[in-house]
N, C-alpha and C. Protein backbone atom coordinates (compact mmCIF):
# COMPACT_ATOMS: atom_id res chain seq x y z
N UNK A 1 14.26 -9.18 -9.52
CA UNK A 1 14.62 -9.22 -7.95
C UNK A 1 14.18 -7.76 -7.55
N UNK A 2 13.14 -7.85 -6.71
CA UNK A 2 12.64 -6.35 -6.12
C UNK A 2 12.35 -6.62 -4.57
N UNK A 3 12.79 -5.66 -3.98
CA UNK A 3 12.60 -5.36 -2.37
C UNK A 3 11.77 -4.38 -2.21
N UNK A 4 10.62 -4.63 -1.36
CA UNK A 4 9.73 -3.57 -0.82
C UNK A 4 9.87 -3.26 0.69
N UNK A 5 10.14 -2.18 1.07
CA UNK A 5 10.29 -1.94 2.49
C UNK A 5 9.16 -0.75 2.92
N UNK A 6 8.48 -1.46 3.85
CA UNK A 6 7.15 -0.70 4.43
C UNK A 6 7.58 0.19 5.69
N UNK A 7 7.01 1.24 5.99
CA UNK A 7 7.14 2.08 7.05
C UNK A 7 5.86 2.83 7.37
N UNK A 8 5.73 3.16 8.76
CA UNK A 8 4.61 4.25 8.82
C UNK A 8 3.58 3.64 9.73
N UNK A 9 3.48 2.32 10.03
CA UNK A 9 2.43 1.77 10.69
C UNK A 9 2.57 2.07 12.31
N UNK A 10 1.58 1.82 13.01
CA UNK A 10 1.53 2.20 14.64
C UNK A 10 0.07 2.19 15.10
N UNK A 11 0.15 2.65 16.25
CA UNK A 11 -1.16 2.60 16.89
C UNK A 11 -1.72 4.16 16.84
N UNK A 12 -3.00 4.34 16.68
CA UNK A 12 -3.80 5.54 16.45
C UNK A 12 -5.05 5.36 16.94
N UNK A 13 -5.60 6.48 17.64
CA UNK A 13 -6.90 6.57 17.93
C UNK A 13 -7.91 6.68 16.93
N UNK A 14 -9.26 6.33 16.97
CA UNK A 14 -10.21 6.39 16.09
C UNK A 14 -10.23 8.00 15.68
N UNK A 15 -10.39 8.27 14.37
CA UNK A 15 -10.54 9.48 13.83
C UNK A 15 -9.10 10.17 13.51
N UNK A 16 -8.08 9.40 13.93
CA UNK A 16 -6.60 9.89 13.75
C UNK A 16 -6.21 9.66 12.28
N UNK A 17 -4.94 9.90 11.99
CA UNK A 17 -4.35 9.75 10.86
C UNK A 17 -2.97 9.04 10.80
N UNK A 18 -2.75 8.26 9.78
CA UNK A 18 -1.45 7.63 9.55
C UNK A 18 -1.11 7.70 8.03
N UNK A 19 0.22 7.79 7.76
CA UNK A 19 0.59 7.69 6.56
C UNK A 19 1.59 6.53 6.32
N UNK A 20 1.34 5.43 5.38
CA UNK A 20 2.36 4.57 5.12
C UNK A 20 3.12 4.67 3.99
N UNK A 21 4.39 4.25 3.91
CA UNK A 21 5.23 4.55 2.79
C UNK A 21 5.75 3.04 2.39
N UNK A 22 6.21 2.93 1.16
CA UNK A 22 6.75 1.91 0.61
C UNK A 22 7.78 2.10 -0.40
N UNK A 23 8.94 1.70 -0.16
CA UNK A 23 10.08 1.89 -1.21
C UNK A 23 10.38 0.76 -1.94
N UNK A 24 10.64 0.69 -3.19
CA UNK A 24 11.10 -0.35 -3.93
C UNK A 24 12.63 -0.40 -4.50
N UNK A 25 13.22 -1.39 -4.46
CA UNK A 25 14.49 -1.23 -4.92
C UNK A 25 14.96 -2.59 -5.55
N UNK A 26 15.83 -2.81 -6.37
CA UNK A 26 16.41 -3.88 -6.92
C UNK A 26 16.54 -3.84 -8.30
N UNK A 27 16.37 -5.01 -9.00
CA UNK A 27 16.80 -5.06 -10.40
C UNK A 27 15.49 -5.25 -11.16
N UNK A 28 15.09 -4.24 -11.71
CA UNK A 28 13.98 -4.20 -12.92
C UNK A 28 13.95 -3.07 -13.52
N UNK A 29 13.33 -3.09 -14.71
CA UNK A 29 13.21 -2.09 -15.68
C UNK A 29 12.44 -0.90 -15.25
N UNK A 30 11.20 -1.20 -14.76
CA UNK A 30 10.32 -0.23 -14.35
C UNK A 30 9.33 -0.89 -13.49
N UNK A 31 8.28 0.01 -12.99
CA UNK A 31 7.36 -0.45 -12.09
C UNK A 31 5.88 -0.06 -12.65
N UNK A 32 5.07 -0.92 -12.77
CA UNK A 32 3.68 -0.79 -13.12
C UNK A 32 2.83 -0.50 -11.95
N UNK A 33 1.79 -1.14 -11.79
CA UNK A 33 0.88 -0.85 -10.72
C UNK A 33 1.46 -1.15 -9.25
N UNK A 34 1.16 -0.23 -8.49
CA UNK A 34 1.54 -0.41 -7.09
C UNK A 34 0.33 -0.13 -6.18
N UNK A 35 0.26 -0.73 -5.03
CA UNK A 35 -0.79 -0.52 -4.02
C UNK A 35 -0.52 -1.26 -2.70
N UNK A 36 -1.74 -1.38 -2.06
CA UNK A 36 -1.68 -1.86 -0.63
C UNK A 36 -2.77 -2.90 -0.41
N UNK A 37 -2.73 -4.00 0.01
CA UNK A 37 -3.55 -4.97 0.47
C UNK A 37 -3.59 -4.82 2.21
N UNK A 38 -4.65 -5.58 2.75
CA UNK A 38 -4.65 -5.43 4.18
C UNK A 38 -5.23 -6.92 4.67
N UNK A 39 -4.87 -7.32 5.77
CA UNK A 39 -5.42 -8.62 6.39
C UNK A 39 -5.55 -8.31 7.78
N UNK A 40 -6.94 -8.50 8.25
CA UNK A 40 -7.30 -8.25 9.63
C UNK A 40 -7.26 -9.69 10.27
N UNK A 41 -7.04 -9.87 11.53
CA UNK A 41 -7.18 -11.11 12.22
C UNK A 41 -8.55 -11.98 11.82
N UNK A 42 -8.51 -13.28 11.43
CA UNK A 42 -9.43 -14.01 11.13
C UNK A 42 -10.36 -13.71 9.71
N UNK A 43 -9.80 -12.68 9.02
CA UNK A 43 -10.32 -12.22 7.76
C UNK A 43 -9.48 -12.45 6.61
N UNK A 44 -10.11 -12.47 5.50
CA UNK A 44 -9.36 -12.58 4.17
C UNK A 44 -8.65 -11.27 3.65
N UNK A 45 -7.34 -11.50 3.05
CA UNK A 45 -6.61 -10.55 2.56
C UNK A 45 -7.58 -9.60 1.56
N UNK A 46 -7.47 -8.20 1.65
CA UNK A 46 -8.48 -7.33 0.92
C UNK A 46 -7.60 -6.29 0.25
N UNK A 47 -7.79 -6.12 -0.97
CA UNK A 47 -7.14 -4.98 -1.75
C UNK A 47 -7.81 -3.65 -1.32
N UNK A 48 -6.87 -2.83 -0.87
CA UNK A 48 -7.45 -1.54 -0.34
C UNK A 48 -7.29 -0.46 -1.38
N UNK A 49 -6.05 -0.32 -2.16
CA UNK A 49 -6.05 0.72 -2.95
C UNK A 49 -4.95 0.27 -3.93
N UNK A 50 -5.06 0.82 -5.16
CA UNK A 50 -3.97 0.57 -6.19
C UNK A 50 -3.81 1.93 -7.07
N UNK A 51 -2.65 1.89 -7.59
CA UNK A 51 -2.37 3.08 -8.53
C UNK A 51 -1.52 2.64 -9.60
N UNK A 52 -1.75 3.04 -10.89
CA UNK A 52 -1.11 2.83 -12.03
C UNK A 52 -0.05 3.56 -12.30
N UNK A 53 0.80 3.35 -13.13
CA UNK A 53 2.12 4.09 -13.43
C UNK A 53 1.49 5.36 -14.32
N UNK A 54 0.29 5.42 -14.70
CA UNK A 54 -0.43 6.67 -15.29
C UNK A 54 -1.18 7.42 -14.10
N UNK A 55 -1.08 7.01 -12.89
CA UNK A 55 -1.71 7.70 -11.91
C UNK A 55 -3.14 7.49 -11.68
N UNK A 56 -3.61 6.44 -12.39
CA UNK A 56 -5.21 6.03 -12.13
C UNK A 56 -5.18 5.29 -10.84
N UNK A 57 -6.36 5.65 -10.00
CA UNK A 57 -6.41 5.07 -8.88
C UNK A 57 -7.71 4.37 -8.50
N UNK A 58 -7.54 3.33 -7.63
CA UNK A 58 -8.78 2.59 -7.56
C UNK A 58 -8.81 2.23 -5.95
N UNK A 59 -10.01 2.38 -5.17
CA UNK A 59 -10.05 2.06 -3.72
C UNK A 59 -11.15 1.24 -3.36
N UNK A 60 -10.99 0.51 -2.47
CA UNK A 60 -12.22 -0.22 -1.82
C UNK A 60 -13.18 0.49 -1.43
N UNK A 61 -14.51 0.20 -1.50
CA UNK A 61 -15.68 1.17 -1.01
C UNK A 61 -15.51 1.69 0.27
N UNK A 62 -15.05 0.99 1.28
CA UNK A 62 -15.02 1.31 2.75
C UNK A 62 -13.97 2.18 3.00
N UNK A 63 -13.08 2.58 2.06
CA UNK A 63 -11.89 3.57 2.48
C UNK A 63 -12.03 4.92 1.60
N UNK A 64 -13.08 4.81 0.59
CA UNK A 64 -13.22 5.88 -0.34
C UNK A 64 -13.57 7.23 0.37
N UNK A 65 -12.82 8.36 0.14
CA UNK A 65 -13.03 9.57 0.77
C UNK A 65 -12.30 9.86 2.15
N UNK A 66 -11.51 8.73 2.56
CA UNK A 66 -10.54 8.62 3.65
C UNK A 66 -9.23 8.33 3.33
N UNK A 67 -8.80 7.63 2.48
CA UNK A 67 -7.55 7.23 2.26
C UNK A 67 -7.28 7.57 0.87
N UNK A 68 -5.99 7.92 0.64
CA UNK A 68 -5.44 8.66 -0.67
C UNK A 68 -4.06 7.95 -1.07
N UNK A 69 -4.11 7.22 -1.93
CA UNK A 69 -2.74 6.66 -2.60
C UNK A 69 -2.22 7.55 -3.51
N UNK A 70 -0.75 7.32 -3.45
CA UNK A 70 -0.02 8.34 -4.36
C UNK A 70 1.30 7.66 -4.64
N UNK A 71 2.00 8.01 -5.55
CA UNK A 71 3.39 7.52 -5.98
C UNK A 71 4.27 8.64 -6.55
N UNK A 72 5.64 8.06 -6.45
CA UNK A 72 6.56 9.01 -6.98
C UNK A 72 7.50 8.12 -7.87
N UNK A 73 7.22 8.13 -9.07
CA UNK A 73 7.78 7.16 -10.04
C UNK A 73 9.41 7.37 -10.11
N UNK A 74 9.82 8.71 -9.85
CA UNK A 74 11.35 8.93 -9.91
C UNK A 74 11.99 8.14 -8.78
N UNK A 75 11.23 8.03 -7.69
CA UNK A 75 11.82 7.48 -6.40
C UNK A 75 11.34 6.06 -6.02
N UNK A 76 10.37 5.55 -6.80
CA UNK A 76 9.93 4.36 -6.73
C UNK A 76 9.18 4.27 -5.34
N UNK A 77 8.31 4.96 -5.08
CA UNK A 77 7.82 5.20 -3.74
C UNK A 77 6.25 4.99 -4.26
N UNK A 78 5.52 4.40 -3.24
CA UNK A 78 4.27 4.48 -3.10
C UNK A 78 3.51 4.65 -1.43
N UNK A 79 2.78 5.71 -1.59
CA UNK A 79 2.18 6.08 0.10
C UNK A 79 0.78 5.89 -0.06
N UNK A 80 0.28 5.65 1.37
CA UNK A 80 -1.27 5.62 1.45
C UNK A 80 -1.26 6.51 2.66
N UNK A 81 -2.00 7.59 2.35
CA UNK A 81 -2.66 8.40 3.48
C UNK A 81 -3.85 8.12 4.00
N UNK A 82 -4.01 7.85 5.19
CA UNK A 82 -5.06 7.36 5.87
C UNK A 82 -5.63 8.37 6.96
N UNK A 83 -6.80 8.93 6.69
CA UNK A 83 -7.40 9.79 7.56
C UNK A 83 -8.76 9.23 8.16
N UNK A 84 -9.22 9.87 9.12
CA UNK A 84 -10.51 9.58 9.81
C UNK A 84 -10.38 7.87 9.96
N UNK A 85 -9.52 7.41 10.62
CA UNK A 85 -9.26 6.01 10.89
C UNK A 85 -10.31 5.36 11.84
N UNK A 86 -10.69 4.26 11.52
CA UNK A 86 -11.70 3.51 12.25
C UNK A 86 -11.22 2.20 12.86
N UNK A 87 -11.52 1.66 13.86
CA UNK A 87 -11.21 0.41 14.38
C UNK A 87 -11.35 -0.70 13.24
N UNK A 88 -12.25 -0.50 12.30
CA UNK A 88 -12.36 -1.57 11.21
C UNK A 88 -11.02 -1.52 10.28
N UNK A 89 -10.22 -0.42 10.45
CA UNK A 89 -9.23 -0.41 9.53
C UNK A 89 -7.88 -1.22 10.21
N UNK A 90 -8.13 -1.83 11.38
CA UNK A 90 -7.15 -2.43 11.96
C UNK A 90 -6.71 -3.65 11.19
N UNK A 91 -5.36 -3.74 10.76
CA UNK A 91 -4.82 -4.77 10.20
C UNK A 91 -3.43 -4.84 9.89
N UNK A 92 -2.82 -5.90 9.08
CA UNK A 92 -1.54 -5.76 8.63
C UNK A 92 -1.58 -5.31 7.27
N UNK A 93 -0.93 -4.37 6.91
CA UNK A 93 -0.98 -3.70 5.53
C UNK A 93 0.25 -4.21 4.83
N UNK A 94 0.10 -4.64 3.55
CA UNK A 94 1.04 -5.03 2.71
C UNK A 94 1.00 -4.39 1.50
N UNK A 95 2.26 -3.71 1.01
CA UNK A 95 2.36 -3.03 -0.20
C UNK A 95 2.83 -4.06 -1.27
N UNK A 96 2.44 -3.59 -2.57
CA UNK A 96 2.91 -4.69 -3.55
C UNK A 96 3.27 -3.82 -4.61
N UNK A 97 4.02 -4.17 -5.66
CA UNK A 97 4.50 -3.62 -6.73
C UNK A 97 4.69 -4.52 -7.99
N UNK A 98 4.11 -4.30 -9.00
CA UNK A 98 4.31 -4.97 -10.59
C UNK A 98 5.42 -4.48 -11.15
N UNK A 99 6.59 -5.18 -11.01
CA UNK A 99 7.73 -4.84 -11.74
C UNK A 99 7.96 -5.53 -12.97
N UNK A 100 8.34 -4.52 -13.99
CA UNK A 100 8.49 -4.81 -15.51
C UNK A 100 9.99 -5.35 -15.64
N UNK A 101 10.07 -6.67 -15.75
CA UNK A 101 11.46 -7.24 -15.89
C UNK A 101 12.10 -7.25 -17.39
N UNK A 102 11.17 -7.45 -18.35
CA UNK A 102 11.42 -7.14 -19.66
C UNK A 102 9.96 -7.02 -20.47
N UNK A 103 10.31 -7.02 -21.80
CA UNK A 103 8.92 -6.86 -22.47
C UNK A 103 7.97 -7.97 -22.40
N UNK A 104 6.64 -7.73 -21.72
CA UNK A 104 5.67 -8.74 -21.45
C UNK A 104 5.98 -9.54 -20.39
N UNK A 105 7.01 -9.25 -19.51
CA UNK A 105 7.56 -10.15 -18.39
C UNK A 105 7.25 -9.26 -17.17
N UNK A 106 6.54 -9.50 -16.21
CA UNK A 106 6.38 -8.74 -15.00
C UNK A 106 6.60 -9.82 -13.63
N UNK A 107 6.95 -9.20 -12.67
CA UNK A 107 6.99 -9.88 -11.23
C UNK A 107 6.36 -9.07 -10.16
N UNK A 108 5.58 -9.53 -9.51
CA UNK A 108 4.99 -8.82 -8.33
C UNK A 108 5.70 -8.97 -7.03
N UNK A 109 6.10 -8.08 -6.45
CA UNK A 109 6.75 -7.87 -5.33
C UNK A 109 5.87 -7.66 -4.16
N UNK A 110 6.26 -8.04 -2.92
CA UNK A 110 5.51 -7.81 -1.82
C UNK A 110 6.32 -7.18 -0.58
N UNK A 111 5.78 -6.20 0.22
CA UNK A 111 6.46 -5.68 1.36
C UNK A 111 6.40 -6.78 2.45
N UNK A 112 6.98 -6.55 3.45
CA UNK A 112 6.78 -7.32 4.71
C UNK A 112 5.76 -7.06 5.59
N UNK A 113 5.07 -6.30 5.51
CA UNK A 113 3.93 -5.96 6.15
C UNK A 113 4.03 -5.06 7.27
N UNK A 114 3.03 -4.10 7.56
CA UNK A 114 3.34 -3.12 8.77
C UNK A 114 1.99 -3.26 9.35
N UNK A 115 1.82 -3.17 10.83
CA UNK A 115 0.63 -3.11 11.57
C UNK A 115 0.22 -1.99 11.81
N UNK A 116 -1.12 -1.77 11.49
CA UNK A 116 -1.93 -0.49 11.81
C UNK A 116 -3.03 -0.91 12.80
N UNK A 117 -3.18 -0.18 13.84
CA UNK A 117 -3.99 -0.52 15.13
C UNK A 117 -4.85 0.69 15.47
N UNK A 118 -6.22 0.63 15.25
CA UNK A 118 -6.93 1.93 15.51
C UNK A 118 -7.70 1.37 16.70
N UNK A 119 -7.46 2.24 17.79
CA UNK A 119 -8.09 1.76 19.18
C UNK A 119 -8.05 3.06 20.14
N UNK A 120 -8.83 3.20 21.01
CA UNK A 120 -8.97 4.14 21.98
C UNK A 120 -8.45 3.67 23.33
C-alpha cells in the first residue's frame, strides 16, 4: 500500500519555472524507480522523466536541458524542476513510484495529478 501526494502545480507564463514535488508514504520495503508522466488534453499520456534508486535519470527529448528530476531516498520524495516552460508543457502531471513489497515483488503507485498551465 503506497500513497503519493503531489504538489507544486499552477499557472505560469512562458519562460517561467515551477517545481513539482511528490511524497510517498505507506507500507513498503523500499522504492525503486520514480518519475513523472503528463497528459495534455486530447493527447496520450507521456513519460516525462524518471530516476532510479541509483540516481540514473532519463528524460523525454522535448524537456531535455529544461527539466531536472531529483529524489531524496531518505524522505521518499521525488521532485521535478521545470525551467523555461513552454505552452506545450501544459498538462496534468502524475508522479509514480515503483515500490518494493518483497523480493521480486513490486507495485506501482500513482499520484492524484497536478495541473501545470503555461500561458501568457
